Amino acid sequence: MVAKKQLPRPTDAELAILRVLWERGASTVREVAEVLQKERGTGYTTALKLMQIMTDKGLVQRDDSSRSHVYEAVAPAEETQRQLVGDLLDRAFGGSAQQLVLRALSARKASPAELAEIRQLLDEMEKKAK
């Protein structure tokens, strides 16, 4: 099995762009900039520059077959999140998933629905471990 190439860790501004692309799908710079303007006050030229940098880094790919270039995320949200959590797990928690989960659950209140989903995931993981 060939190991997947790890993408560079996105900055906070790059993650904001990725979230827009994951939610909307392939989008032009103008479409992304409109969302970012409302959320973060980010202008068009800043969004364009960031998306050009992200293309060079391999985080997004650009289709320039039409006048308006269309960008899309290279990796799905789950893959990027898994990579970021793995990095955080190693750097901040010494590889301890227990400590990561404990800190995450104590940092912000989880809704009953979220707790039920976490319980279900833990039950499934326990069954697989047996």
Protein backbone atom coordinates (compact mmCIF):
# COMPACT_ATOMS: atom_id res chain seq x y z
CA MET A 1 0.00 0.00 0.00
CA VAL A 2 1.38 3.42 -0.99
CA ALA A 3 1.38 6.06 1.75
CA LYS A 4 -0.57 9.21 0.95
CA LYS A 5 1.48 12.37 0.59
CA GLN A 6 0.81 14.60 3.55
CA LEU A 7 -0.29 18.08 2.57
CA PRO A 8 1.22 21.08 4.32
CA ARG A 9 -0.59 22.24 7.43
CA PRO A 10 -2.93 25.10 6.44
CA THR A 11 -2.82 28.43 8.25
CA ASP A 12 -5.95 29.79 9.92
CA ALA A 13 -6.71 31.97 6.88
CA GLU A 14 -6.19 29.00 4.55
CA LEU A 15 -8.50 26.86 6.71
CA ALA A 16 -11.20 29.53 6.38
CA ILE A 17 -10.91 29.24 2.59
CA LEU A 18 -10.92 25.45 2.74
CA ARG A 19 -14.08 25.49 4.86
CA VAL A 20 -15.80 27.61 2.20
CA LEU A 21 -14.67 25.22 -0.55
CA TRP A 22 -15.73 22.13 1.43
CA GLU A 23 -19.15 23.65 2.07
CA ARG A 24 -19.79 25.14 -1.39
CA GLY A 25 -17.72 22.85 -3.58
CA ALA A 26 -15.66 24.21 -6.46
CA SER A 27 -15.87 28.02 -6.43
CA THR A 28 -14.39 31.12 -8.00
CA VAL A 29 -12.26 33.55 -6.02
CA ARG A 30 -15.14 36.03 -6.06
CA GLU A 31 -17.53 33.47 -4.54
CA VAL A 32 -15.03 32.57 -1.81
CA ALA A 33 -14.21 36.24 -1.16
CA GLU A 34 -17.91 37.09 -0.72
CA VAL A 35 -18.26 34.49 2.04
CA LEU A 36 -14.99 35.53 3.69
CA GLN A 37 -15.96 39.22 3.52
CA LYS A 38 -19.07 38.48 5.58
CA GLU A 39 -17.30 36.16 8.04
CA ARG A 40 -13.88 37.75 8.44
CA GLY A 41 -13.78 41.02 6.50
CA THR A 42 -11.34 39.48 3.99
CA GLY A 43 -11.20 41.34 0.67
CA TYR A 44 -11.01 39.98 -2.86
CA THR A 45 -7.29 40.58 -3.43
CA THR A 46 -6.37 38.94 -0.13
CA ALA A 47 -8.51 35.91 -0.96
CA LEU A 48 -6.96 35.73 -4.44
CA LYS A 49 -3.40 35.90 -3.09
CA LEU A 50 -4.11 33.26 -0.44
CA MET A 51 -5.70 30.94 -3.00
CA GLN A 52 -2.69 31.36 -5.32
CA ILE A 53 -0.38 30.44 -2.43
CA MET A 54 -2.62 27.48 -1.57
CA THR A 55 -2.39 26.30 -5.18
CA ASP A 56 1.42 26.42 -4.99
CA LYS A 57 1.33 24.51 -1.69
CA GLY A 58 -0.97 21.85 -3.15
CA LEU A 59 -3.91 22.56 -0.82
CA VAL A 60 -6.25 23.57 -3.66
CA GLN A 61 -6.33 22.96 -7.37
CA ARG A 62 -7.31 25.51 -9.98
CA ASP A 63 -9.27 24.92 -13.16
CA ASP A 64 -8.30 27.76 -15.47
CA SER A 65 -10.14 26.47 -18.54
CA SER A 66 -12.64 29.35 -18.33
CA ARG A 67 -12.18 33.08 -17.80
CA SER A 68 -12.99 32.82 -14.08
CA HIS A 69 -10.66 30.35 -12.43
CA VAL A 70 -12.43 27.78 -10.31
CA TYR A 71 -10.74 26.39 -7.20
CA GLU A 72 -11.44 23.26 -5.21
CA ALA A 73 -9.87 21.64 -2.17
CA VAL A 74 -7.41 18.86 -2.96
CA ALA A 75 -8.26 16.84 0.17
CA PRO A 76 -11.68 16.31 1.74
CA ALA A 77 -12.45 17.98 5.07
CA GLU A 78 -12.19 14.72 7.02
CA GLU A 79 -8.69 13.99 5.73
CA THR A 80 -7.42 17.48 6.54
CA GLN A 81 -9.04 17.39 9.98
CA ARG A 82 -7.55 13.96 10.69
CA GLN A 83 -4.10 15.25 9.72
CA LEU A 84 -4.48 18.36 11.91
CA VAL A 85 -5.73 16.36 14.89
CA GLY A 86 -2.88 13.87 14.49
CA ASP A 87 -0.39 16.72 14.47
CA LEU A 88 -1.99 18.31 17.54
CA LEU A 89 -2.12 14.93 19.27
CA ASP A 90 1.63 14.47 18.79
CA ARG A 91 2.73 18.04 19.52
CA ALA A 92 0.49 18.99 22.43
CA PHE A 93 -0.53 15.69 24.02
CA GLY A 94 2.49 13.45 23.51
CA GLY A 95 0.41 11.06 21.43
CA SER A 96 -2.21 10.53 24.16
CA ALA A 97 -5.68 10.34 22.59
CA GLN A 98 -7.14 10.15 26.09
CA GLN A 99 -5.66 13.53 27.06
CA LEU A 100 -6.78 15.11 23.78
CA VAL A 101 -10.38 13.92 24.24
CA LEU A 102 -10.47 14.91 27.91
CA ARG A 103 -9.20 18.42 27.13
CA ALA A 104 -11.55 18.80 24.17
CA LEU A 105 -14.58 17.81 26.23
CA SER A 106 -13.58 20.06 29.14
CA ALA A 107 -12.82 23.06 26.90
CA ARG A 108 -16.34 23.43 25.48
CA LYS A 109 -19.71 22.08 26.53
CA ALA A 110 -20.89 19.27 24.25
CA SER A 111 -24.58 19.01 23.38
CA PRO A 112 -26.52 15.87 24.35
CA ALA A 113 -26.59 14.92 20.64
CA GLU A 114 -22.81 15.27 20.38
CA LEU A 115 -22.29 13.20 23.54
CA ALA A 116 -24.59 10.49 22.17
CA GLU A 117 -22.59 10.42 18.93
CA ILE A 118 -19.33 10.20 20.89
CA ARG A 119 -20.73 7.31 22.97
CA GLN A 120 -21.81 5.51 19.80
CA LEU A 121 -18.34 5.95 18.27
CA LEU A 122 -16.69 4.64 21.43
CA ASP A 123 -19.02 1.62 21.47
CA GLU A 124 -18.15 0.86 17.84
CA MET A 125 -14.43 1.21 18.56
CA GLU A 126 -14.73 -1.14 21.55
CA LYS A 127 -16.47 -3.77 19.44
CA LYS A 128 -13.72 -3.59 16.82
CA ALA A 129 -11.02 -3.92 19.49
CA LYS A 130 -12.46 -7.21 20.79
